[in-house]
Amino acid sequence: TKKILRKISTKAIESGLLIRPIGHTIYFMPPYIINHDEIDFMIDTTLEVIQSSI
């Protein structure tokens, strides 16, 4: 629902992750230059945010 997507988006931003939820899809907005640690952070944070929002 829109309420859950809003919650996910807000928590992601608070956690330092920029995402763009559109419909049932979450678009990542990583920098053009990214390393493995940043990718791990992006994935781990996304999972945590989604799990804590549903």
PDB file of N, CA and C in Angstrom:
ATOM      1  N   THR A   1       0.829  -1.190   0.000  1.00  0.00           N
ATOM      2  CA  THR A   1       0.000   0.000   0.000  1.00  0.00           C
ATOM      3  C   THR A   1       0.873   1.253   0.000  1.00  0.00           C
ATOM      4  N   LYS A   2       0.246   2.377  -0.273  1.00  0.00           N
ATOM      5  CA  LYS A   2       0.985   3.640  -0.300  1.00  0.00           C
ATOM      6  C   LYS A   2       1.547   3.991   1.071  1.00  0.00           C
ATOM      7  N   LYS A   3       0.810   3.626   2.122  1.00  0.00           N
ATOM      8  CA  LYS A   3       1.257   3.918   3.482  1.00  0.00           C
ATOM      9  C   LYS A   3       2.549   3.168   3.798  1.00  0.00           C
ATOM     10  N   ILE A   4       2.623   1.914   3.402  1.00  0.00           N
ATOM     11  CA  ILE A   4       3.826   1.112   3.638  1.00  0.00           C
ATOM     12  C   ILE A   4       4.990   1.652   2.817  1.00  0.00           C
ATOM     13  N   LEU A   5       4.743   2.004   1.554  1.00  0.00           N
ATOM     14  CA  LEU A   5       5.808   2.560   0.712  1.00  0.00           C
ATOM     15  C   LEU A   5       6.348   3.860   1.288  1.00  0.00           C
ATOM     16  N   ARG A   6       5.473   4.694   1.807  1.00  0.00           N
ATOM     17  CA  ARG A   6       5.895   5.951   2.427  1.00  0.00           C
ATOM     18  C   ARG A   6       6.764   5.670   3.651  1.00  0.00           C
ATOM     19  N   LYS A   7       6.363   4.668   4.429  1.00  0.00           N
ATOM     20  CA  LYS A   7       7.121   4.297   5.620  1.00  0.00           C
ATOM     21  C   LYS A   7       8.505   3.763   5.230  1.00  0.00           C
ATOM     22  N   ILE A   8       8.554   2.914   4.208  1.00  0.00           N
ATOM     23  CA  ILE A   8       9.825   2.362   3.727  1.00  0.00           C
ATOM     24  C   ILE A   8      10.728   3.492   3.238  1.00  0.00           C
ATOM     25  N   SER A   9      10.179   4.392   2.463  1.00  0.00           N
ATOM     26  CA  SER A   9      10.959   5.501   1.915  1.00  0.00           C
ATOM     27  C   SER A   9      11.521   6.387   3.022  1.00  0.00           C
ATOM     28  N   THR A  10      10.697   6.711   3.998  1.00  0.00           N
ATOM     29  CA  THR A  10      11.133   7.554   5.110  1.00  0.00           C
ATOM     30  C   THR A  10      12.236   6.878   5.910  1.00  0.00           C
ATOM     31  N   LYS A  11      12.058   5.603   6.244  1.00  0.00           N
ATOM     32  CA  LYS A  11      13.065   4.874   7.013  1.00  0.00           C
ATOM     33  C   LYS A  11      14.366   4.730   6.229  1.00  0.00           C
ATOM     34  N   ALA A  12      14.261   4.534   4.935  1.00  0.00           N
ATOM     35  CA  ALA A  12      15.460   4.407   4.101  1.00  0.00           C
ATOM     36  C   ALA A  12      16.263   5.703   4.130  1.00  0.00           C
ATOM     37  N   ILE A  13      15.590   6.821   3.959  1.00  0.00           N
ATOM     38  CA  ILE A  13      16.277   8.114   3.982  1.00  0.00           C
ATOM     39  C   ILE A  13      16.912   8.358   5.341  1.00  0.00           C
ATOM     40  N   GLU A  14      16.201   8.029   6.416  1.00  0.00           N
ATOM     41  CA  GLU A  14      16.747   8.185   7.767  1.00  0.00           C
ATOM     42  C   GLU A  14      17.978   7.312   7.971  1.00  0.00           C
ATOM     43  N   SER A  15      18.057   6.198   7.243  1.00  0.00           N
ATOM     44  CA  SER A  15      19.186   5.272   7.355  1.00  0.00           C
ATOM     45  C   SER A  15      20.317   5.611   6.384  1.00  0.00           C
ATOM     46  N   GLY A  16      20.142   6.662   5.590  1.00  0.00           N
ATOM     47  CA  GLY A  16      21.181   7.078   4.660  1.00  0.00           C
ATOM     48  C   GLY A  16      21.105   6.436   3.293  1.00  0.00           C
ATOM     49  N   LEU A  17      19.939   5.912   2.942  1.00  0.00           N
ATOM     50  CA  LEU A  17      19.758   5.226   1.667  1.00  0.00           C
ATOM     51  C   LEU A  17      18.756   5.990   0.809  1.00  0.00           C
ATOM     52  N   LEU A  18      19.154   6.323  -0.411  1.00  0.00           N
ATOM     53  CA  LEU A  18      18.245   7.006  -1.330  1.00  0.00           C
ATOM     54  C   LEU A  18      17.581   5.980  -2.231  1.00  0.00           C
ATOM     55  N   ILE A  19      16.265   5.888  -2.109  1.00  0.00           N
ATOM     56  CA  ILE A  19      15.488   4.996  -2.968  1.00  0.00           C
ATOM     57  C   ILE A  19      14.335   5.789  -3.552  1.00  0.00           C
ATOM     58  N   ARG A  20      13.728   5.221  -4.550  1.00  0.00           N
ATOM     59  CA  ARG A  20      12.589   5.875  -5.200  1.00  0.00           C
ATOM     60  C   ARG A  20      11.491   4.837  -5.392  1.00  0.00           C
ATOM     61  N   PRO A  21      10.541   4.762  -4.467  1.00  0.00           N
ATOM     62  CA  PRO A  21       9.454   3.797  -4.628  1.00  0.00           C
ATOM     63  C   PRO A  21       8.422   4.299  -5.634  1.00  0.00           C
ATOM     64  N   ILE A  22       8.172   3.503  -6.649  1.00  0.00           N
ATOM     65  CA  ILE A  22       7.159   3.829  -7.654  1.00  0.00           C
ATOM     66  C   ILE A  22       6.286   2.597  -7.833  1.00  0.00           C
ATOM     67  N   GLY A  23       5.023   2.706  -7.447  1.00  0.00           N
ATOM     68  CA  GLY A  23       4.131   1.553  -7.537  1.00  0.00           C
ATOM     69  C   GLY A  23       4.625   0.435  -6.640  1.00  0.00           C
ATOM     70  N   HIS A  24       4.800  -0.739  -7.205  1.00  0.00           N
ATOM     71  CA  HIS A  24       5.273  -1.898  -6.447  1.00  0.00           C
ATOM     72  C   HIS A  24       6.764  -2.131  -6.645  1.00  0.00           C
ATOM     73  N   THR A  25       7.478  -1.123  -7.106  1.00  0.00           N
ATOM     74  CA  THR A  25       8.902  -1.252  -7.407  1.00  0.00           C
ATOM     75  C   THR A  25       9.694  -0.230  -6.612  1.00  0.00           C
ATOM     76  N   ILE A  26      10.847  -0.656  -6.098  1.00  0.00           N
ATOM     77  CA  ILE A  26      11.758   0.262  -5.427  1.00  0.00           C
ATOM     78  C   ILE A  26      12.972   0.431  -6.330  1.00  0.00           C
ATOM     79  N   TYR A  27      13.219   1.660  -6.747  1.00  0.00           N
ATOM     80  CA  TYR A  27      14.381   1.970  -7.574  1.00  0.00           C
ATOM     81  C   TYR A  27      15.506   2.465  -6.672  1.00  0.00           C
ATOM     82  N   PHE A  28      16.687   1.918  -6.865  1.00  0.00           N
ATOM     83  CA  PHE A  28      17.855   2.383  -6.126  1.00  0.00           C
ATOM     84  C   PHE A  28      18.458   3.574  -6.850  1.00  0.00           C
ATOM     85  N   MET A  29      19.042   4.475  -6.087  1.00  0.00           N
ATOM     86  CA  MET A  29      19.675   5.653  -6.655  1.00  0.00           C
ATOM     87  C   MET A  29      21.112   5.750  -6.136  1.00  0.00           C
ATOM     88  N   PRO A  30      21.958   4.766  -6.502  1.00  0.00           N
ATOM     89  CA  PRO A  30      23.339   4.773  -6.004  1.00  0.00           C
ATOM     90  C   PRO A  30      24.192   5.794  -6.762  1.00  0.00           C
ATOM     91  N   PRO A  31      25.341   6.142  -6.196  1.00  0.00           N
ATOM     92  CA  PRO A  31      26.256   7.016  -6.936  1.00  0.00           C
ATOM     93  C   PRO A  31      26.821   6.275  -8.148  1.00  0.00           C
ATOM     94  N   TYR A  32      27.355   7.018  -9.098  1.00  0.00           N
ATOM     95  CA  TYR A  32      27.930   6.395 -10.292  1.00  0.00           C
ATOM     96  C   TYR A  32      29.165   5.566  -9.957  1.00  0.00           C
ATOM     97  N   ILE A  33      29.905   5.993  -8.954  1.00  0.00           N
ATOM     98  CA  ILE A  33      31.073   5.234  -8.508  1.00  0.00           C
ATOM     99  C   ILE A  33      30.722   4.654  -7.147  1.00  0.00           C
ATOM    100  N   ILE A  34      30.730   3.318  -7.052  1.00  0.00           N
ATOM    101  CA  ILE A  34      30.298   2.638  -5.829  1.00  0.00           C
ATOM    102  C   ILE A  34      31.212   1.446  -5.583  1.00  0.00           C
ATOM    103  N   ASN A  35      31.500   1.173  -4.303  1.00  0.00           N
ATOM    104  CA  ASN A  35      32.355   0.026  -3.989  1.00  0.00           C
ATOM    105  C   ASN A  35      31.525  -1.092  -3.350  1.00  0.00           C
ATOM    106  N   HIS A  36      32.169  -2.209  -3.091  1.00  0.00           N
ATOM    107  CA  HIS A  36      31.454  -3.382  -2.568  1.00  0.00           C
ATOM    108  C   HIS A  36      30.825  -3.116  -1.200  1.00  0.00           C
ATOM    109  N   ASP A  37      31.518  -2.383  -0.344  1.00  0.00           N
ATOM    110  CA  ASP A  37      30.956  -2.081   0.978  1.00  0.00           C
ATOM    111  C   ASP A  37      29.679  -1.248   0.859  1.00  0.00           C
ATOM    112  N   GLU A  38      29.664  -0.325  -0.069  1.00  0.00           N
ATOM    113  CA  GLU A  38      28.478   0.507  -0.268  1.00  0.00           C
ATOM    114  C   GLU A  38      27.319  -0.300  -0.850  1.00  0.00           C
ATOM    115  N   ILE A  39      27.628  -1.242  -1.722  1.00  0.00           N
ATOM    116  CA  ILE A  39      26.585  -2.127  -2.256  1.00  0.00           C
ATOM    117  C   ILE A  39      26.013  -2.989  -1.140  1.00  0.00           C
ATOM    118  N   ASP A  40      26.897  -3.535  -0.292  1.00  0.00           N
ATOM    119  CA  ASP A  40      26.435  -4.329   0.852  1.00  0.00           C
ATOM    120  C   ASP A  40      25.544  -3.493   1.763  1.00  0.00           C
ATOM    121  N   PHE A  41      25.950  -2.250   2.032  1.00  0.00           N
ATOM    122  CA  PHE A  41      25.148  -1.351   2.860  1.00  0.00           C
ATOM    123  C   PHE A  41      23.773  -1.128   2.235  1.00  0.00           C
ATOM    124  N   MET A  42      23.755  -0.901   0.927  1.00  0.00           N
ATOM    125  CA  MET A  42      22.507  -0.646   0.216  1.00  0.00           C
ATOM    126  C   MET A  42      21.550  -1.833   0.346  1.00  0.00           C
ATOM    127  N   ILE A  43      22.048  -3.037   0.121  1.00  0.00           N
ATOM    128  CA  ILE A  43      21.209  -4.236   0.179  1.00  0.00           C
ATOM    129  C   ILE A  43      20.777  -4.528   1.613  1.00  0.00           C
ATOM    130  N   ASP A  44      21.731  -4.501   2.549  1.00  0.00           N
ATOM    131  CA  ASP A  44      21.411  -4.796   3.952  1.00  0.00           C
ATOM    132  C   ASP A  44      20.403  -3.797   4.513  1.00  0.00           C
ATOM    133  N   THR A  45      20.606  -2.525   4.236  1.00  0.00           N
ATOM    134  CA  THR A  45      19.702  -1.493   4.732  1.00  0.00           C
ATOM    135  C   THR A  45      18.315  -1.639   4.125  1.00  0.00           C
ATOM    136  N   THR A  46      18.255  -1.957   2.845  1.00  0.00           N
ATOM    137  CA  THR A  46      16.964  -2.159   2.189  1.00  0.00           C
ATOM    138  C   THR A  46      16.195  -3.290   2.853  1.00  0.00           C
ATOM    139  N   LEU A  47      16.864  -4.399   3.094  1.00  0.00           N
ATOM    140  CA  LEU A  47      16.196  -5.532   3.752  1.00  0.00           C
ATOM    141  C   LEU A  47      15.707  -5.157   5.144  1.00  0.00           C
ATOM    142  N   GLU A  48      16.545  -4.474   5.918  1.00  0.00           N
ATOM    143  CA  GLU A  48      16.159  -4.067   7.269  1.00  0.00           C
ATOM    144  C   GLU A  48      14.955  -3.122   7.242  1.00  0.00           C
ATOM    145  N   VAL A  49      14.987  -2.159   6.334  1.00  0.00           N
ATOM    146  CA  VAL A  49      13.905  -1.176   6.239  1.00  0.00           C
ATOM    147  C   VAL A  49      12.594  -1.852   5.848  1.00  0.00           C
ATOM    148  N   ILE A  50      12.640  -2.732   4.868  1.00  0.00           N
ATOM    149  CA  ILE A  50      11.420  -3.421   4.434  1.00  0.00           C
ATOM    150  C   ILE A  50      10.880  -4.302   5.552  1.00  0.00           C
ATOM    151  N   GLN A  51      11.757  -5.076   6.192  1.00  0.00           N
ATOM    152  CA  GLN A  51      11.310  -5.978   7.258  1.00  0.00           C
ATOM    153  C   GLN A  51      10.713  -5.210   8.430  1.00  0.00           C
ATOM    154  N   SER A  52      11.265  -4.065   8.752  1.00  0.00           N
ATOM    155  CA  SER A  52      10.737  -3.307   9.889  1.00  0.00           C
ATOM    156  C   SER A  52       9.485  -2.503   9.531  1.00  0.00           C
ATOM    157  N   SER A  53       9.157  -2.437   8.251  1.00  0.00           N
ATOM    158  CA  SER A  53       8.006  -1.642   7.815  1.00  0.00           C
ATOM    159  C   SER A  53       6.756  -2.467   7.554  1.00  0.00           C
ATOM    160  N   ILE A  54       6.909  -3.773   7.453  1.00  0.00           N
ATOM    161  CA  ILE A  54       5.728  -4.598   7.167  1.00  0.00           C
ATOM    162  C   ILE A  54       5.304  -5.390   8.384  1.00  0.00           C
TER     163      ILE A  54
END
